[in-house]
């Protein structure tokens, strides 16, 4: 068996493919769903090897009217909301990730 193609099923379950503003498919690793002020936010990590900044992407989860099983993800423009959601995420996963504050860069 070729080791390069040996990807565990768990890893595949955590991969989400979204379309960017140019219609290009982009893969993300699903990290968590955070609830904040009655809304749900999905926290994703880009799988792109070129993104060495290890920055997460936070999108608001929006149910679609067409199906109960479908969700769409909307970008969040409010910096305060993004900061609060990320703070909740950091607190929840403080033992699993090595977070670097902007002050430490």
N, C-alpha and C. Protein backbone atom coordinates (compact mmCIF):
# COMPACT_ATOMS: atom_id res chain seq x y z
N UNK A 1 0.84 -1.18 0.00
CA UNK A 1 0.00 0.00 0.00
C UNK A 1 0.89 1.25 0.00
N UNK A 2 0.54 2.21 -0.80
CA UNK A 2 1.28 3.46 -0.91
C UNK A 2 1.00 4.34 0.31
N UNK A 3 2.03 4.72 1.07
CA UNK A 3 1.85 5.48 2.30
C UNK A 3 1.26 6.87 2.05
N UNK A 4 1.54 7.48 0.90
CA UNK A 4 1.02 8.81 0.63
C UNK A 4 -0.50 8.82 0.55
N UNK A 5 -1.10 7.75 0.12
CA UNK A 5 -2.55 7.67 -0.01
C UNK A 5 -3.21 7.08 1.21
N UNK A 6 -2.44 6.78 2.24
CA UNK A 6 -2.97 6.17 3.46
C UNK A 6 -3.46 7.26 4.41
N UNK A 7 -4.69 7.74 4.17
CA UNK A 7 -5.29 8.79 4.98
C UNK A 7 -6.38 8.15 5.81
N UNK A 8 -6.34 8.39 7.10
CA UNK A 8 -7.32 7.76 7.97
C UNK A 8 -8.71 8.32 7.70
N UNK A 9 -9.71 7.50 8.00
CA UNK A 9 -11.10 7.91 7.80
C UNK A 9 -11.43 9.09 8.70
N UNK A 10 -10.85 9.13 9.90
CA UNK A 10 -11.08 10.24 10.82
C UNK A 10 -10.61 11.56 10.22
N UNK A 11 -9.47 11.55 9.55
CA UNK A 11 -8.96 12.77 8.92
C UNK A 11 -9.90 13.24 7.83
N UNK A 12 -10.44 12.31 7.04
CA UNK A 12 -11.36 12.67 5.97
C UNK A 12 -12.66 13.24 6.53
N UNK A 13 -13.11 12.73 7.67
CA UNK A 13 -14.34 13.22 8.29
C UNK A 13 -14.21 14.67 8.73
N UNK A 14 -13.01 15.11 9.01
CA UNK A 14 -12.79 16.47 9.50
C UNK A 14 -12.52 17.47 8.39
N UNK A 15 -12.52 17.03 7.13
CA UNK A 15 -12.23 17.93 6.02
C UNK A 15 -13.53 18.44 5.41
N UNK A 16 -13.59 19.76 5.27
CA UNK A 16 -14.73 20.43 4.65
C UNK A 16 -14.22 21.17 3.43
N UNK A 17 -14.92 21.04 2.31
CA UNK A 17 -14.54 21.74 1.09
C UNK A 17 -15.57 22.85 0.85
N UNK A 18 -15.08 24.08 0.78
CA UNK A 18 -15.93 25.24 0.54
C UNK A 18 -15.46 25.94 -0.73
N UNK A 19 -16.34 26.73 -1.32
CA UNK A 19 -15.97 27.54 -2.48
C UNK A 19 -15.66 28.95 -2.02
N UNK A 20 -14.53 29.48 -2.48
CA UNK A 20 -14.17 30.85 -2.11
C UNK A 20 -14.88 31.84 -3.02
N UNK A 21 -14.57 33.13 -2.86
CA UNK A 21 -15.26 34.17 -3.63
C UNK A 21 -15.01 34.06 -5.13
N UNK A 22 -13.97 33.33 -5.54
CA UNK A 22 -13.67 33.12 -6.96
C UNK A 22 -14.24 31.82 -7.49
N UNK A 23 -14.98 31.10 -6.65
CA UNK A 23 -15.56 29.82 -7.06
C UNK A 23 -14.59 28.65 -6.97
N UNK A 24 -13.40 28.90 -6.43
CA UNK A 24 -12.40 27.85 -6.29
C UNK A 24 -12.69 27.02 -5.04
N UNK A 25 -12.47 25.71 -5.12
CA UNK A 25 -12.65 24.85 -3.96
C UNK A 25 -11.45 24.98 -3.02
N UNK A 26 -11.76 25.14 -1.72
CA UNK A 26 -10.72 25.28 -0.71
C UNK A 26 -11.03 24.28 0.41
N UNK A 27 -10.01 23.52 0.81
CA UNK A 27 -10.19 22.53 1.88
C UNK A 27 -9.84 23.13 3.23
N UNK A 28 -10.67 22.78 4.22
CA UNK A 28 -10.45 23.21 5.60
C UNK A 28 -10.57 22.01 6.51
N UNK A 29 -9.86 22.03 7.61
CA UNK A 29 -10.05 21.04 8.65
C UNK A 29 -11.04 21.61 9.65
N UNK A 30 -12.12 20.86 9.89
CA UNK A 30 -13.12 21.28 10.86
C UNK A 30 -12.54 21.14 12.26
N UNK A 31 -12.61 22.21 13.05
CA UNK A 31 -12.09 22.17 14.42
C UNK A 31 -13.21 22.12 15.45
N UNK A 32 -14.23 22.98 15.30
CA UNK A 32 -15.29 23.01 16.30
C UNK A 32 -16.42 23.92 15.85
N UNK A 33 -17.55 23.79 16.57
CA UNK A 33 -18.66 24.72 16.44
C UNK A 33 -18.80 25.41 17.79
N UNK A 34 -18.81 26.72 17.77
CA UNK A 34 -18.91 27.53 18.99
C UNK A 34 -20.24 28.28 18.97
N UNK A 35 -20.95 28.25 20.09
CA UNK A 35 -22.18 29.03 20.23
C UNK A 35 -21.85 30.34 20.91
N UNK A 36 -22.35 31.44 20.34
CA UNK A 36 -22.13 32.76 20.91
C UNK A 36 -23.34 33.63 20.60
N UNK A 37 -23.97 34.15 21.63
CA UNK A 37 -25.13 35.04 21.53
C UNK A 37 -26.21 34.47 20.61
N UNK A 38 -26.54 33.20 20.81
CA UNK A 38 -27.63 32.57 20.07
C UNK A 38 -27.31 32.16 18.65
N UNK A 39 -26.08 32.36 18.23
CA UNK A 39 -25.65 31.97 16.88
C UNK A 39 -24.59 30.89 16.99
N UNK A 40 -24.46 30.10 15.93
CA UNK A 40 -23.40 29.10 15.87
C UNK A 40 -22.33 29.56 14.89
N UNK A 41 -21.09 29.33 15.27
CA UNK A 41 -19.94 29.69 14.44
C UNK A 41 -19.07 28.47 14.26
N UNK A 42 -18.62 28.23 13.04
CA UNK A 42 -17.76 27.10 12.74
C UNK A 42 -16.32 27.60 12.70
N UNK A 43 -15.42 26.84 13.31
CA UNK A 43 -14.01 27.20 13.35
C UNK A 43 -13.26 26.21 12.46
N UNK A 44 -12.58 26.74 11.46
CA UNK A 44 -11.90 25.92 10.46
C UNK A 44 -10.43 26.30 10.37
N UNK A 45 -9.61 25.32 10.02
CA UNK A 45 -8.19 25.54 9.79
C UNK A 45 -7.90 25.24 8.32
N UNK A 46 -7.38 26.22 7.57
CA UNK A 46 -7.05 25.94 6.17
C UNK A 46 -6.03 24.81 6.06
N UNK A 47 -6.24 23.90 5.12
CA UNK A 47 -5.30 22.80 4.92
C UNK A 47 -4.22 23.16 3.92
N UNK A 48 -4.31 24.33 3.32
CA UNK A 48 -3.34 24.79 2.33
C UNK A 48 -1.95 24.87 2.96
N UNK A 49 -1.03 24.15 2.38
CA UNK A 49 0.34 24.10 2.89
C UNK A 49 1.01 25.48 2.89
N UNK A 50 0.58 26.37 1.99
CA UNK A 50 1.21 27.68 1.88
C UNK A 50 0.84 28.58 3.04
N UNK A 51 -0.26 28.30 3.74
CA UNK A 51 -0.68 29.15 4.85
C UNK A 51 0.06 28.73 6.11
N UNK A 52 1.28 29.26 6.26
CA UNK A 52 2.10 28.88 7.40
C UNK A 52 1.76 29.68 8.65
N UNK A 53 0.82 30.61 8.53
CA UNK A 53 0.43 31.42 9.67
C UNK A 53 -0.45 30.66 10.65
N UNK A 54 -0.98 29.52 10.23
CA UNK A 54 -1.84 28.71 11.10
C UNK A 54 -2.99 29.52 11.67
N UNK A 55 -3.59 30.37 10.86
CA UNK A 55 -4.73 31.15 11.30
C UNK A 55 -6.00 30.38 11.02
N UNK A 56 -6.94 30.47 11.95
CA UNK A 56 -8.23 29.80 11.76
C UNK A 56 -9.18 30.73 11.01
N UNK A 57 -10.20 30.11 10.44
CA UNK A 57 -11.27 30.84 9.78
C UNK A 57 -12.53 30.61 10.60
N UNK A 58 -13.24 31.69 10.90
CA UNK A 58 -14.48 31.59 11.66
C UNK A 58 -15.62 32.07 10.78
N UNK A 59 -16.61 31.21 10.59
CA UNK A 59 -17.78 31.54 9.77
C UNK A 59 -19.05 31.32 10.58
N UNK A 60 -20.08 32.12 10.32
CA UNK A 60 -21.36 31.94 11.00
C UNK A 60 -22.14 30.87 10.25
N UNK A 61 -22.76 29.97 11.01
CA UNK A 61 -23.56 28.89 10.43
C UNK A 61 -24.96 29.45 10.19
N UNK A 62 -25.44 29.25 8.97
CA UNK A 62 -26.76 29.73 8.60
C UNK A 62 -27.54 28.58 7.99
N UNK A 63 -28.70 28.26 8.56
CA UNK A 63 -29.54 27.21 8.01
C UNK A 63 -30.15 27.69 6.70
N UNK A 64 -30.28 26.78 5.74
CA UNK A 64 -30.94 27.13 4.49
C UNK A 64 -32.39 26.70 4.56
N UNK A 65 -33.23 27.38 3.83
CA UNK A 65 -34.65 27.08 3.82
C UNK A 65 -34.97 25.82 3.02
N UNK A 66 -34.08 25.42 2.11
CA UNK A 66 -34.38 24.33 1.19
C UNK A 66 -34.33 22.95 1.85
N UNK A 67 -33.52 22.78 2.87
CA UNK A 67 -33.38 21.46 3.49
C UNK A 67 -32.89 21.61 4.92
N UNK A 68 -33.41 20.77 5.79
CA UNK A 68 -32.98 20.79 7.18
C UNK A 68 -31.54 20.31 7.33
N UNK A 69 -31.08 19.49 6.39
CA UNK A 69 -29.73 18.93 6.47
C UNK A 69 -28.66 19.86 5.93
N UNK A 70 -29.07 20.91 5.22
CA UNK A 70 -28.10 21.79 4.59
C UNK A 70 -27.83 23.01 5.45
N UNK A 71 -26.58 23.42 5.46
CA UNK A 71 -26.16 24.63 6.14
C UNK A 71 -25.33 25.43 5.16
N UNK A 72 -25.32 26.72 5.36
CA UNK A 72 -24.37 27.55 4.62
C UNK A 72 -23.54 28.30 5.65
N UNK A 73 -22.40 28.76 5.22
CA UNK A 73 -21.47 29.44 6.10
C UNK A 73 -21.24 30.85 5.57
N UNK A 74 -21.39 31.82 6.46
CA UNK A 74 -21.32 33.22 6.08
C UNK A 74 -20.16 33.87 6.79
N UNK A 75 -19.40 34.70 6.07
CA UNK A 75 -18.28 35.39 6.70
C UNK A 75 -18.79 36.37 7.75
N UNK A 76 -17.97 36.61 8.75
CA UNK A 76 -18.32 37.49 9.86
C UNK A 76 -17.47 38.75 9.74
N UNK A 77 -18.14 39.90 9.63
CA UNK A 77 -17.42 41.16 9.48
C UNK A 77 -17.15 41.86 10.80
N UNK A 78 -17.91 41.50 11.83
CA UNK A 78 -17.79 42.17 13.13
C UNK A 78 -16.57 41.63 13.89
N UNK A 79 -15.54 42.50 14.02
CA UNK A 79 -14.30 42.09 14.67
C UNK A 79 -14.52 41.67 16.13
N UNK A 80 -15.44 42.34 16.81
CA UNK A 80 -15.71 42.01 18.21
C UNK A 80 -16.28 40.59 18.34
N UNK A 81 -17.19 40.24 17.45
CA UNK A 81 -17.76 38.89 17.46
C UNK A 81 -16.68 37.86 17.16
N UNK A 82 -15.85 38.13 16.15
CA UNK A 82 -14.77 37.20 15.81
C UNK A 82 -13.83 37.00 17.00
N UNK A 83 -13.50 38.09 17.67
CA UNK A 83 -12.61 38.01 18.82
C UNK A 83 -13.23 37.19 19.94
N UNK A 84 -14.49 37.42 20.23
CA UNK A 84 -15.18 36.69 21.31
C UNK A 84 -15.26 35.20 20.99
N UNK A 85 -15.63 34.86 19.75
CA UNK A 85 -15.73 33.45 19.35
C UNK A 85 -14.36 32.79 19.44
N UNK A 86 -13.31 33.48 19.00
CA UNK A 86 -11.97 32.92 19.06
C UNK A 86 -11.52 32.74 20.51
N UNK A 87 -11.86 33.68 21.38
CA UNK A 87 -11.51 33.55 22.80
C UNK A 87 -12.18 32.30 23.41
N UNK A 88 -13.44 32.07 23.07
CA UNK A 88 -14.14 30.87 23.56
C UNK A 88 -13.44 29.62 23.04
N UNK A 89 -13.08 29.63 21.75
CA UNK A 89 -12.38 28.51 21.14
C UNK A 89 -11.04 28.26 21.83
N UNK A 90 -10.27 29.33 22.08
CA UNK A 90 -8.96 29.18 22.73
C UNK A 90 -9.10 28.62 24.13
N UNK A 91 -10.09 29.08 24.86
CA UNK A 91 -10.30 28.58 26.22
C UNK A 91 -10.68 27.10 26.20
N UNK A 92 -11.52 26.73 25.25
CA UNK A 92 -11.99 25.35 25.15
C UNK A 92 -10.85 24.39 24.78
N UNK A 93 -9.93 24.85 23.95
CA UNK A 93 -8.87 23.99 23.42
C UNK A 93 -7.47 24.39 23.88
N UNK A 94 -7.38 25.05 25.02
CA UNK A 94 -6.08 25.52 25.49
C UNK A 94 -5.07 24.41 25.70
N UNK A 95 -5.53 23.20 26.00
CA UNK A 95 -4.62 22.08 26.23
C UNK A 95 -4.25 21.33 24.95
N UNK A 96 -5.00 21.60 23.86
CA UNK A 96 -4.77 20.86 22.62
C UNK A 96 -3.97 21.63 21.57
N UNK A 97 -4.01 22.96 21.64
CA UNK A 97 -3.32 23.79 20.66
C UNK A 97 -2.35 24.72 21.37
N UNK A 98 -1.30 25.10 20.67
CA UNK A 98 -0.34 26.05 21.18
C UNK A 98 -0.65 27.40 20.56
N UNK A 99 -1.44 28.22 21.26
CA UNK A 99 -1.85 29.51 20.72
C UNK A 99 -0.76 30.54 20.95
N UNK A 100 -0.56 31.39 19.93
CA UNK A 100 0.44 32.45 20.00
C UNK A 100 -0.31 33.77 19.95
N UNK A 101 -0.12 34.60 20.96
CA UNK A 101 -0.74 35.93 20.96
C UNK A 101 -0.02 36.81 19.98
N UNK A 102 -0.74 37.79 19.43
CA UNK A 102 -0.14 38.74 18.49
C UNK A 102 1.04 39.46 19.13
N UNK A 103 0.97 39.66 20.44
CA UNK A 103 2.06 40.36 21.14
C UNK A 103 3.37 39.56 21.14
N UNK A 104 3.25 38.23 21.00
CA UNK A 104 4.42 37.36 21.07
C UNK A 104 5.11 37.18 19.74
N UNK A 105 4.51 37.66 18.65
CA UNK A 105 5.11 37.47 17.31
C UNK A 105 6.30 38.34 17.10
